[in-house]
């Protein structure tokens, strides 16, 4: 019988395989030239966010941390979004 600590350990190989599949999906989507450019970018960004979330949750062990550590790790995200939007709006003008 497994102890409570062993049940909460992340399944690294499964997460690695999921990241591999998501990467292959990203490459496949990138080569689909019939998609509108805006949709293509949104899909690729969504997949990248999904992959980054998996890495943060399992390989950075945020899934098993207290809420304050998770908040500390995710606090810079709004600033990054503001900076990226600022750069994109600068190019749009």
N, C-alpha and C. Protein backbone atom coordinates (compact mmCIF):
# COMPACT_ATOMS: atom_id res chain seq x y z
N UNK A 1 0.83 -1.17 0.00
CA UNK A 1 0.00 0.00 0.00
C UNK A 1 0.89 1.25 0.00
N UNK A 2 0.51 2.24 -0.80
CA UNK A 2 1.30 3.46 -0.91
C UNK A 2 0.96 4.42 0.22
N UNK A 3 1.96 5.18 0.63
CA UNK A 3 1.71 6.18 1.66
C UNK A 3 1.10 7.42 1.02
N UNK A 4 0.66 8.35 1.85
CA UNK A 4 0.02 9.57 1.34
C UNK A 4 0.99 10.43 0.56
N UNK A 5 2.28 10.42 0.94
CA UNK A 5 3.28 11.21 0.22
C UNK A 5 3.50 10.67 -1.18
N UNK A 6 3.50 9.37 -1.36
CA UNK A 6 3.74 8.79 -2.67
C UNK A 6 2.59 9.05 -3.63
N UNK A 7 1.39 9.17 -3.13
CA UNK A 7 0.24 9.42 -3.99
C UNK A 7 0.27 10.84 -4.57
N UNK A 8 0.91 11.79 -3.88
CA UNK A 8 0.94 13.16 -4.34
C UNK A 8 2.14 13.48 -5.23
N UNK A 9 3.01 12.54 -5.44
CA UNK A 9 4.16 12.78 -6.31
C UNK A 9 3.71 12.93 -7.75
N UNK A 10 4.26 13.91 -8.46
CA UNK A 10 3.85 14.09 -9.86
C UNK A 10 4.34 12.95 -10.73
N UNK A 11 3.61 12.70 -11.77
CA UNK A 11 3.98 11.66 -12.73
C UNK A 11 4.78 12.33 -13.85
N UNK A 12 6.07 12.39 -13.66
CA UNK A 12 6.94 13.14 -14.57
C UNK A 12 6.90 12.62 -15.99
N UNK A 13 6.89 11.31 -16.18
CA UNK A 13 6.89 10.76 -17.53
C UNK A 13 5.59 11.07 -18.26
N UNK A 14 4.48 11.03 -17.55
CA UNK A 14 3.20 11.36 -18.17
C UNK A 14 3.16 12.83 -18.58
N UNK A 15 3.64 13.70 -17.70
CA UNK A 15 3.67 15.13 -18.02
C UNK A 15 4.63 15.38 -19.18
N UNK A 16 5.78 14.72 -19.19
CA UNK A 16 6.72 14.86 -20.30
C UNK A 16 6.07 14.43 -21.61
N UNK A 17 5.37 13.30 -21.58
CA UNK A 17 4.70 12.82 -22.79
C UNK A 17 3.61 13.80 -23.23
N UNK A 18 2.87 14.36 -22.29
CA UNK A 18 1.84 15.35 -22.62
C UNK A 18 2.47 16.60 -23.24
N UNK A 19 3.60 17.04 -22.69
CA UNK A 19 4.31 18.19 -23.27
C UNK A 19 4.81 17.87 -24.68
N UNK A 20 5.27 16.65 -24.90
CA UNK A 20 5.71 16.23 -26.23
C UNK A 20 4.55 16.26 -27.22
N UNK A 21 3.41 15.76 -26.80
CA UNK A 21 2.23 15.75 -27.68
C UNK A 21 1.79 17.19 -27.98
N UNK A 22 1.78 18.04 -26.97
CA UNK A 22 1.40 19.44 -27.20
C UNK A 22 2.39 20.13 -28.14
N UNK A 23 3.66 19.81 -28.04
CA UNK A 23 4.65 20.38 -28.95
C UNK A 23 4.41 19.90 -30.38
N UNK A 24 4.09 18.63 -30.53
CA UNK A 24 3.79 18.11 -31.87
C UNK A 24 2.53 18.76 -32.44
N UNK A 25 1.54 19.00 -31.59
CA UNK A 25 0.33 19.70 -32.02
C UNK A 25 0.68 21.12 -32.46
N UNK A 26 1.54 21.79 -31.69
CA UNK A 26 1.96 23.15 -32.06
C UNK A 26 2.65 23.17 -33.42
N UNK A 27 3.54 22.23 -33.64
CA UNK A 27 4.25 22.17 -34.93
C UNK A 27 3.25 21.88 -36.05
N UNK A 28 2.31 20.98 -35.81
CA UNK A 28 1.29 20.68 -36.82
C UNK A 28 0.42 21.88 -37.13
N UNK A 29 0.02 22.60 -36.09
CA UNK A 29 -0.82 23.78 -36.29
C UNK A 29 -0.04 24.86 -37.03
N UNK A 30 1.25 25.00 -36.73
CA UNK A 30 2.06 26.03 -37.38
C UNK A 30 2.17 25.80 -38.87
N UNK A 31 2.11 24.55 -39.30
CA UNK A 31 2.22 24.25 -40.73
C UNK A 31 0.88 24.28 -41.46
N UNK A 32 -0.21 24.52 -40.72
CA UNK A 32 -1.51 24.64 -41.37
C UNK A 32 -1.65 26.05 -41.94
N UNK A 33 -1.45 26.18 -43.22
CA UNK A 33 -1.42 27.51 -43.82
C UNK A 33 -2.82 28.02 -44.14
N UNK A 34 -3.85 27.17 -44.11
CA UNK A 34 -5.19 27.61 -44.46
C UNK A 34 -5.92 28.31 -43.31
N UNK A 35 -5.34 28.30 -42.12
CA UNK A 35 -5.95 29.00 -40.99
C UNK A 35 -5.68 30.50 -41.09
N UNK A 36 -6.65 31.32 -40.70
CA UNK A 36 -6.39 32.76 -40.65
C UNK A 36 -5.26 33.05 -39.65
N UNK A 37 -4.48 34.06 -39.96
CA UNK A 37 -3.29 34.37 -39.14
C UNK A 37 -3.66 34.64 -37.67
N UNK A 38 -4.73 35.37 -37.44
CA UNK A 38 -5.14 35.69 -36.08
C UNK A 38 -5.50 34.41 -35.31
N UNK A 39 -6.24 33.52 -35.93
CA UNK A 39 -6.62 32.27 -35.28
C UNK A 39 -5.38 31.41 -35.02
N UNK A 40 -4.48 31.37 -35.98
CA UNK A 40 -3.25 30.60 -35.82
C UNK A 40 -2.45 31.10 -34.62
N UNK A 41 -2.32 32.41 -34.50
CA UNK A 41 -1.57 32.97 -33.38
C UNK A 41 -2.27 32.67 -32.05
N UNK A 42 -3.58 32.82 -32.02
CA UNK A 42 -4.32 32.54 -30.78
C UNK A 42 -4.19 31.09 -30.36
N UNK A 43 -4.26 30.17 -31.31
CA UNK A 43 -4.12 28.75 -30.99
C UNK A 43 -2.72 28.45 -30.47
N UNK A 44 -1.70 29.00 -31.14
CA UNK A 44 -0.33 28.75 -30.71
C UNK A 44 -0.04 29.36 -29.34
N UNK A 45 -0.56 30.54 -29.08
CA UNK A 45 -0.36 31.16 -27.76
C UNK A 45 -1.10 30.36 -26.69
N UNK A 46 -2.30 29.89 -26.99
CA UNK A 46 -3.04 29.07 -26.05
C UNK A 46 -2.31 27.77 -25.71
N UNK A 47 -1.76 27.12 -26.72
CA UNK A 47 -0.99 25.90 -26.47
C UNK A 47 0.27 26.20 -25.66
N UNK A 48 0.92 27.32 -25.94
CA UNK A 48 2.12 27.69 -25.18
C UNK A 48 1.78 27.97 -23.72
N UNK A 49 0.65 28.62 -23.49
CA UNK A 49 0.23 28.88 -22.11
C UNK A 49 -0.09 27.58 -21.39
N UNK A 50 -0.73 26.66 -22.09
CA UNK A 50 -1.04 25.35 -21.51
C UNK A 50 0.26 24.63 -21.12
N UNK A 51 1.24 24.64 -22.02
CA UNK A 51 2.51 23.98 -21.73
C UNK A 51 3.23 24.66 -20.57
N UNK A 52 3.24 25.98 -20.54
CA UNK A 52 3.90 26.71 -19.46
C UNK A 52 3.24 26.40 -18.12
N UNK A 53 1.92 26.28 -18.13
CA UNK A 53 1.20 25.94 -16.91
C UNK A 53 1.57 24.55 -16.41
N UNK A 54 1.66 23.60 -17.31
CA UNK A 54 2.06 22.25 -16.92
C UNK A 54 3.46 22.24 -16.33
N UNK A 55 4.39 22.95 -16.97
CA UNK A 55 5.76 23.01 -16.46
C UNK A 55 5.78 23.65 -15.09
N UNK A 56 5.07 24.75 -14.92
CA UNK A 56 5.06 25.43 -13.62
C UNK A 56 4.43 24.55 -12.55
N UNK A 57 3.35 23.88 -12.88
CA UNK A 57 2.65 23.08 -11.87
C UNK A 57 3.43 21.85 -11.44
N UNK A 58 4.05 21.15 -12.41
CA UNK A 58 4.66 19.87 -12.08
C UNK A 58 6.18 19.94 -11.92
N UNK A 59 6.88 20.59 -12.84
CA UNK A 59 8.34 20.61 -12.75
C UNK A 59 8.85 21.69 -11.81
N UNK A 60 8.05 22.75 -11.59
CA UNK A 60 8.42 23.75 -10.58
C UNK A 60 7.70 23.46 -9.27
N UNK A 61 6.92 22.39 -9.23
CA UNK A 61 6.23 21.89 -8.03
C UNK A 61 5.25 22.89 -7.43
N UNK A 62 4.69 23.78 -8.24
CA UNK A 62 3.73 24.74 -7.71
C UNK A 62 2.42 24.08 -7.32
N UNK A 63 2.12 22.94 -7.91
CA UNK A 63 0.88 22.25 -7.57
C UNK A 63 0.87 21.78 -6.12
N UNK A 64 2.05 21.57 -5.59
CA UNK A 64 2.15 21.01 -4.24
C UNK A 64 2.57 22.06 -3.21
N UNK A 65 2.58 23.32 -3.60
CA UNK A 65 2.98 24.40 -2.69
C UNK A 65 1.76 25.07 -2.07
N UNK A 66 2.02 25.90 -1.09
CA UNK A 66 0.95 26.68 -0.48
C UNK A 66 0.54 27.81 -1.41
N UNK A 67 -0.60 28.37 -1.16
CA UNK A 67 -1.16 29.41 -2.01
C UNK A 67 -0.26 30.63 -2.12
N UNK A 68 0.39 31.01 -1.03
CA UNK A 68 1.22 32.22 -1.09
C UNK A 68 2.43 32.04 -2.01
N UNK A 69 2.97 30.85 -2.10
CA UNK A 69 4.08 30.61 -3.03
C UNK A 69 3.58 30.66 -4.47
N UNK A 70 2.40 30.13 -4.70
CA UNK A 70 1.81 30.18 -6.04
C UNK A 70 1.54 31.63 -6.44
N UNK A 71 1.01 32.42 -5.52
CA UNK A 71 0.77 33.83 -5.80
C UNK A 71 2.07 34.58 -6.06
N UNK A 72 3.11 34.24 -5.33
CA UNK A 72 4.41 34.87 -5.53
C UNK A 72 4.97 34.53 -6.91
N UNK A 73 4.77 33.31 -7.35
CA UNK A 73 5.29 32.90 -8.66
C UNK A 73 4.47 33.47 -9.81
N UNK A 74 3.18 33.68 -9.60
CA UNK A 74 2.31 34.15 -10.69
C UNK A 74 2.08 35.66 -10.67
N UNK A 75 2.57 36.35 -9.67
CA UNK A 75 2.36 37.80 -9.57
C UNK A 75 2.92 38.59 -10.75
N UNK A 76 4.05 38.22 -11.35
CA UNK A 76 4.58 39.01 -12.48
C UNK A 76 3.81 38.82 -13.79
N UNK A 77 2.89 37.88 -13.86
CA UNK A 77 2.18 37.61 -15.11
C UNK A 77 1.40 38.82 -15.62
N UNK A 78 0.63 39.54 -14.78
CA UNK A 78 -0.06 40.73 -15.31
C UNK A 78 0.90 41.78 -15.88
N UNK A 79 2.04 41.97 -15.24
CA UNK A 79 3.02 42.92 -15.75
C UNK A 79 3.54 42.47 -17.11
N UNK A 80 3.81 41.18 -17.26
CA UNK A 80 4.27 40.67 -18.54
C UNK A 80 3.23 40.87 -19.63
N UNK A 81 1.96 40.65 -19.29
CA UNK A 81 0.88 40.86 -20.26
C UNK A 81 0.80 42.33 -20.67
N UNK A 82 0.92 43.23 -19.70
CA UNK A 82 0.88 44.66 -20.01
C UNK A 82 2.04 45.05 -20.92
N UNK A 83 3.23 44.54 -20.63
CA UNK A 83 4.39 44.87 -21.45
C UNK A 83 4.25 44.33 -22.88
N UNK A 84 3.77 43.10 -23.01
CA UNK A 84 3.58 42.52 -24.35
C UNK A 84 2.52 43.31 -25.11
N UNK A 85 1.41 43.65 -24.46
CA UNK A 85 0.38 44.44 -25.13
C UNK A 85 0.91 45.81 -25.53
N UNK A 86 1.74 46.42 -24.69
CA UNK A 86 2.33 47.70 -25.03
C UNK A 86 3.19 47.63 -26.27
N UNK A 87 3.99 46.58 -26.39
CA UNK A 87 4.83 46.40 -27.58
C UNK A 87 3.96 46.14 -28.81
N UNK A 88 2.95 45.30 -28.66
CA UNK A 88 2.07 45.00 -29.80
C UNK A 88 1.33 46.25 -30.26
N UNK A 89 0.86 47.05 -29.33
CA UNK A 89 0.15 48.30 -29.72
C UNK A 89 1.10 49.29 -30.36
N UNK A 90 2.35 49.28 -29.97
CA UNK A 90 3.33 50.17 -30.59
C UNK A 90 3.55 49.79 -32.05
N UNK A 91 3.58 48.50 -32.35
CA UNK A 91 3.74 48.04 -33.73
C UNK A 91 2.47 48.30 -34.56
N UNK A 92 1.31 48.31 -33.91
CA UNK A 92 0.05 48.49 -34.62
C UNK A 92 -0.09 49.91 -35.14
N UNK A 93 0.59 50.86 -34.54
CA UNK A 93 0.46 52.26 -34.96
C UNK A 93 1.35 52.51 -36.09
